[in-house]
Amino acid sequence: MSPKRRGRRPDLFKVLLTGLTVGMTLTLGYQISLYYGAQVQPMAERAPTPSIVDG
C-alpha cells in the first residue's frame, strides 16, 4: 500500500510574495493614515539670537 499524500505543499515563493505584499500594503496604509490623519502642527518661527561679543 502506498502512502497517501494529503495535499500539495504550498509553493514557498508564492507564500513569500503573498507575505511581502500583505506587509507592504499594511505598512503603506499605515503611513498614509498617519500623513493624512494627523493634525497640522503650527510652524514655529524663531529669530536667531544675536551673538554676544565681549571685548
PDB file of N, CA and C in Angstrom:
ATOM      1  N   MET A   1       0.839  -1.164   0.000  1.00  0.00           N
ATOM      2  CA  MET A   1       0.000   0.000   0.000  1.00  0.00           C
ATOM      3  C   MET A   1       0.898   1.246   0.000  1.00  0.00           C
ATOM      4  N   SER A   2       0.649   2.127  -0.901  1.00  0.00           N
ATOM      5  CA  SER A   2       1.469   3.333  -0.992  1.00  0.00           C
ATOM      6  C   SER A   2       0.934   4.408  -0.052  1.00  0.00           C
ATOM      7  N   PRO A   3       1.829   5.220   0.500  1.00  0.00           N
ATOM      8  CA  PRO A   3       1.356   6.284   1.409  1.00  0.00           C
ATOM      9  C   PRO A   3       0.567   7.331   0.637  1.00  0.00           C
ATOM     10  N   LYS A   4      -0.506   7.805   1.247  1.00  0.00           N
ATOM     11  CA  LYS A   4      -1.339   8.815   0.600  1.00  0.00           C
ATOM     12  C   LYS A   4      -0.789  10.205   0.897  1.00  0.00           C
ATOM     13  N   ARG A   5      -0.819  11.016  -0.104  1.00  0.00           N
ATOM     14  CA  ARG A   5      -0.440  12.416   0.089  1.00  0.00           C
ATOM     15  C   ARG A   5      -1.703  13.191   0.446  1.00  0.00           C
ATOM     16  N   ARG A   6      -1.627  13.981   1.480  1.00  0.00           N
ATOM     17  CA  ARG A   6      -2.807  14.701   1.947  1.00  0.00           C
ATOM     18  C   ARG A   6      -3.003  16.031   1.247  1.00  0.00           C
ATOM     19  N   GLY A   7      -2.263  16.293   0.254  1.00  0.00           N
ATOM     20  CA  GLY A   7      -2.404  17.548  -0.481  1.00  0.00           C
ATOM     21  C   GLY A   7      -1.044  18.045  -0.912  1.00  0.00           C
ATOM     22  N   ARG A   8      -1.089  18.999  -1.778  1.00  0.00           N
ATOM     23  CA  ARG A   8       0.169  19.557  -2.260  1.00  0.00           C
ATOM     24  C   ARG A   8       0.696  20.563  -1.268  1.00  0.00           C
ATOM     25  N   ARG A   9       2.002  20.601  -1.138  1.00  0.00           N
ATOM     26  CA  ARG A   9       2.626  21.603  -0.282  1.00  0.00           C
ATOM     27  C   ARG A   9       2.582  22.948  -0.994  1.00  0.00           C
ATOM     28  N   PRO A  10       2.375  24.033  -0.266  1.00  0.00           N
ATOM     29  CA  PRO A  10       2.339  25.349  -0.920  1.00  0.00           C
ATOM     30  C   PRO A  10       3.730  25.727  -1.426  1.00  0.00           C
ATOM     31  N   ASP A  11       3.746  26.415  -2.529  1.00  0.00           N
ATOM     32  CA  ASP A  11       4.993  26.891  -3.097  1.00  0.00           C
ATOM     33  C   ASP A  11       5.543  27.991  -2.187  1.00  0.00           C
ATOM     34  N   LEU A  12       6.756  27.817  -1.698  1.00  0.00           N
ATOM     35  CA  LEU A  12       7.321  28.772  -0.736  1.00  0.00           C
ATOM     36  C   LEU A  12       7.524  30.153  -1.339  1.00  0.00           C
ATOM     37  N   PHE A  13       7.811  30.215  -2.625  1.00  0.00           N
ATOM     38  CA  PHE A  13       7.987  31.513  -3.280  1.00  0.00           C
ATOM     39  C   PHE A  13       6.662  32.277  -3.310  1.00  0.00           C
ATOM     40  N   LYS A  14       5.568  31.579  -3.570  1.00  0.00           N
ATOM     41  CA  LYS A  14       4.265  32.241  -3.575  1.00  0.00           C
ATOM     42  C   LYS A  14       3.874  32.691  -2.178  1.00  0.00           C
ATOM     43  N   VAL A  15       4.209  31.896  -1.173  1.00  0.00           N
ATOM     44  CA  VAL A  15       3.934  32.287   0.212  1.00  0.00           C
ATOM     45  C   VAL A  15       4.745  33.522   0.577  1.00  0.00           C
ATOM     46  N   LEU A  16       6.007  33.569   0.160  1.00  0.00           N
ATOM     47  CA  LEU A  16       6.858  34.728   0.422  1.00  0.00           C
ATOM     48  C   LEU A  16       6.307  35.979  -0.257  1.00  0.00           C
ATOM     49  N   LEU A  17       5.922  35.851  -1.527  1.00  0.00           N
ATOM     50  CA  LEU A  17       5.375  37.007  -2.243  1.00  0.00           C
ATOM     51  C   LEU A  17       4.071  37.481  -1.616  1.00  0.00           C
ATOM     52  N   THR A  18       3.237  36.557  -1.190  1.00  0.00           N
ATOM     53  CA  THR A  18       1.978  36.938  -0.555  1.00  0.00           C
ATOM     54  C   THR A  18       2.244  37.662   0.761  1.00  0.00           C
ATOM     55  N   GLY A  19       3.174  37.148   1.552  1.00  0.00           N
ATOM     56  CA  GLY A  19       3.515  37.801   2.812  1.00  0.00           C
ATOM     57  C   GLY A  19       4.094  39.189   2.603  1.00  0.00           C
ATOM     58  N   LEU A  20       4.973  39.319   1.622  1.00  0.00           N
ATOM     59  CA  LEU A  20       5.547  40.635   1.331  1.00  0.00           C
ATOM     60  C   LEU A  20       4.483  41.616   0.845  1.00  0.00           C
ATOM     61  N   THR A  21       3.574  41.143   0.017  1.00  0.00           N
ATOM     62  CA  THR A  21       2.514  42.011  -0.494  1.00  0.00           C
ATOM     63  C   THR A  21       1.608  42.489   0.626  1.00  0.00           C
ATOM     64  N   VAL A  22       1.221  41.582   1.503  1.00  0.00           N
ATOM     65  CA  VAL A  22       0.360  41.967   2.626  1.00  0.00           C
ATOM     66  C   VAL A  22       1.102  42.927   3.559  1.00  0.00           C
ATOM     67  N   GLY A  23       2.355  42.645   3.849  1.00  0.00           N
ATOM     68  CA  GLY A  23       3.131  43.505   4.726  1.00  0.00           C
ATOM     69  C   GLY A  23       3.333  44.896   4.160  1.00  0.00           C
ATOM     70  N   MET A  24       3.668  44.975   2.887  1.00  0.00           N
ATOM     71  CA  MET A  24       3.867  46.286   2.261  1.00  0.00           C
ATOM     72  C   MET A  24       2.562  47.065   2.182  1.00  0.00           C
ATOM     73  N   THR A  25       1.449  46.375   1.922  1.00  0.00           N
ATOM     74  CA  THR A  25       0.159  47.050   1.857  1.00  0.00           C
ATOM     75  C   THR A  25      -0.224  47.616   3.215  1.00  0.00           C
ATOM     76  N   LEU A  26      -0.022  46.823   4.273  1.00  0.00           N
ATOM     77  CA  LEU A  26      -0.336  47.315   5.614  1.00  0.00           C
ATOM     78  C   LEU A  26       0.563  48.479   6.005  1.00  0.00           C
ATOM     79  N   THR A  27       1.845  48.387   5.670  1.00  0.00           N
ATOM     80  CA  THR A  27       2.780  49.458   6.005  1.00  0.00           C
ATOM     81  C   THR A  27       2.435  50.741   5.261  1.00  0.00           C
ATOM     82  N   LEU A  28       2.143  50.625   3.983  1.00  0.00           N
ATOM     83  CA  LEU A  28       1.798  51.804   3.196  1.00  0.00           C
ATOM     84  C   LEU A  28       0.492  52.417   3.689  1.00  0.00           C
ATOM     85  N   GLY A  29      -0.480  51.594   4.006  1.00  0.00           N
ATOM     86  CA  GLY A  29      -1.740  52.104   4.534  1.00  0.00           C
ATOM     87  C   GLY A  29      -1.550  52.821   5.860  1.00  0.00           C
ATOM     88  N   TYR A  30      -0.692  52.272   6.706  1.00  0.00           N
ATOM     89  CA  TYR A  30      -0.409  52.912   7.988  1.00  0.00           C
ATOM     90  C   TYR A  30       0.265  54.267   7.787  1.00  0.00           C
ATOM     91  N   GLN A  31       1.232  54.334   6.884  1.00  0.00           N
ATOM     92  CA  GLN A  31       1.929  55.595   6.635  1.00  0.00           C
ATOM     93  C   GLN A  31       0.978  56.639   6.060  1.00  0.00           C
ATOM     94  N   ILE A  32       0.097  56.233   5.168  1.00  0.00           N
ATOM     95  CA  ILE A  32      -0.860  57.177   4.579  1.00  0.00           C
ATOM     96  C   ILE A  32      -1.831  57.666   5.640  1.00  0.00           C
ATOM     97  N   SER A  33      -2.278  56.759   6.522  1.00  0.00           N
ATOM     98  CA  SER A  33      -3.199  57.183   7.574  1.00  0.00           C
ATOM     99  C   SER A  33      -2.525  58.154   8.539  1.00  0.00           C
ATOM    100  N   LEU A  34      -1.241  57.960   8.804  1.00  0.00           N
ATOM    101  CA  LEU A  34      -0.528  58.913   9.658  1.00  0.00           C
ATOM    102  C   LEU A  34      -0.385  60.266   8.978  1.00  0.00           C
ATOM    103  N   TYR A  35      -0.115  60.259   7.676  1.00  0.00           N
ATOM    104  CA  TYR A  35       0.119  61.509   6.963  1.00  0.00           C
ATOM    105  C   TYR A  35      -1.169  62.318   6.830  1.00  0.00           C
ATOM    106  N   TYR A  36      -2.251  61.658   6.437  1.00  0.00           N
ATOM    107  CA  TYR A  36      -3.489  62.385   6.203  1.00  0.00           C
ATOM    108  C   TYR A  36      -4.347  62.523   7.459  1.00  0.00           C
ATOM    109  N   GLY A  37      -4.147  61.685   8.446  1.00  0.00           N
ATOM    110  CA  GLY A  37      -4.968  61.736   9.644  1.00  0.00           C
ATOM    111  C   GLY A  37      -4.428  62.646  10.722  1.00  0.00           C
ATOM    112  N   ALA A  38      -3.191  63.073  10.589  1.00  0.00           N
ATOM    113  CA  ALA A  38      -2.571  63.892  11.634  1.00  0.00           C
ATOM    114  C   ALA A  38      -3.010  65.346  11.495  1.00  0.00           C
ATOM    115  N   GLN A  39      -3.072  66.027  12.638  1.00  0.00           N
ATOM    116  CA  GLN A  39      -3.367  67.446  12.621  1.00  0.00           C
ATOM    117  C   GLN A  39      -2.105  68.197  12.211  1.00  0.00           C
ATOM    118  N   VAL A  40      -2.317  69.303  11.536  1.00  0.00           N
ATOM    119  CA  VAL A  40      -1.185  70.096  11.068  1.00  0.00           C
ATOM    120  C   VAL A  40      -0.596  70.842  12.256  1.00  0.00           C
ATOM    121  N   GLN A  41       0.674  70.664  12.466  1.00  0.00           N
ATOM    122  CA  GLN A  41       1.358  71.352  13.551  1.00  0.00           C
ATOM    123  C   GLN A  41       1.743  72.751  13.073  1.00  0.00           C
ATOM    124  N   PRO A  42       1.599  73.752  13.922  1.00  0.00           N
ATOM    125  CA  PRO A  42       1.980  75.107  13.510  1.00  0.00           C
ATOM    126  C   PRO A  42       3.495  75.203  13.325  1.00  0.00           C
ATOM    127  N   MET A  43       3.866  76.001  12.364  1.00  0.00           N
ATOM    128  CA  MET A  43       5.281  76.193  12.088  1.00  0.00           C
ATOM    129  C   MET A  43       5.849  77.178  13.116  1.00  0.00           C
ATOM    130  N   ALA A  44       6.882  76.779  13.773  1.00  0.00           N
ATOM    131  CA  ALA A  44       7.496  77.654  14.773  1.00  0.00           C
ATOM    132  C   ALA A  44       8.399  78.655  14.064  1.00  0.00           C
ATOM    133  N   GLU A  45       8.234  79.910  14.426  1.00  0.00           N
ATOM    134  CA  GLU A  45       9.088  80.944  13.854  1.00  0.00           C
ATOM    135  C   GLU A  45       9.933  81.509  14.993  1.00  0.00           C
ATOM    136  N   ARG A  46      11.202  81.514  14.762  1.00  0.00           N
ATOM    137  CA  ARG A  46      12.109  81.990  15.796  1.00  0.00           C
ATOM    138  C   ARG A  46      13.250  82.737  15.127  1.00  0.00           C
ATOM    139  N   ALA A  47      13.458  83.932  15.585  1.00  0.00           N
ATOM    140  CA  ALA A  47      14.555  84.724  15.025  1.00  0.00           C
ATOM    141  C   ALA A  47      15.845  84.290  15.697  1.00  0.00           C
ATOM    142  N   PRO A  48      16.909  84.254  14.947  1.00  0.00           N
ATOM    143  CA  PRO A  48      18.188  83.874  15.565  1.00  0.00           C
ATOM    144  C   PRO A  48      18.604  84.927  16.593  1.00  0.00           C
ATOM    145  N   THR A  49      19.138  84.451  17.690  1.00  0.00           N
ATOM    146  CA  THR A  49      19.575  85.377  18.733  1.00  0.00           C
ATOM    147  C   THR A  49      20.881  86.032  18.301  1.00  0.00           C
ATOM    148  N   PRO A  50      21.014  87.330  18.583  1.00  0.00           N
ATOM    149  CA  PRO A  50      22.273  87.986  18.212  1.00  0.00           C
ATOM    150  C   PRO A  50      23.420  87.469  19.068  1.00  0.00           C
ATOM    151  N   SER A  51      24.529  87.303  18.458  1.00  0.00           N
ATOM    152  CA  SER A  51      25.688  86.790  19.212  1.00  0.00           C
ATOM    153  C   SER A  51      26.234  87.898  20.112  1.00  0.00           C
ATOM    154  N   ILE A  52      26.662  87.512  21.277  1.00  0.00           N
ATOM    155  CA  ILE A  52      27.214  88.454  22.253  1.00  0.00           C
ATOM    156  C   ILE A  52      28.744  88.384  22.154  1.00  0.00           C
ATOM    157  N   VAL A  53      29.333  89.529  21.869  1.00  0.00           N
ATOM    158  CA  VAL A  53      30.775  89.580  21.737  1.00  0.00           C
ATOM    159  C   VAL A  53      31.329  90.418  22.876  1.00  0.00           C
ATOM    160  N   ASP A  54      32.113  89.794  23.700  1.00  0.00           N
ATOM    161  CA  ASP A  54      32.766  90.553  24.788  1.00  0.00           C
ATOM    162  C   ASP A  54      34.109  91.035  24.284  1.00  0.00           C
ATOM    163  N   GLY A  55      34.427  92.231  24.594  1.00  0.00           N
ATOM    164  CA  GLY A  55      35.674  92.722  24.077  1.00  0.00           C
ATOM    165  C   GLY A  55      36.375  93.556  24.975  1.00  0.00           C
TER     166      GLY A  55
END
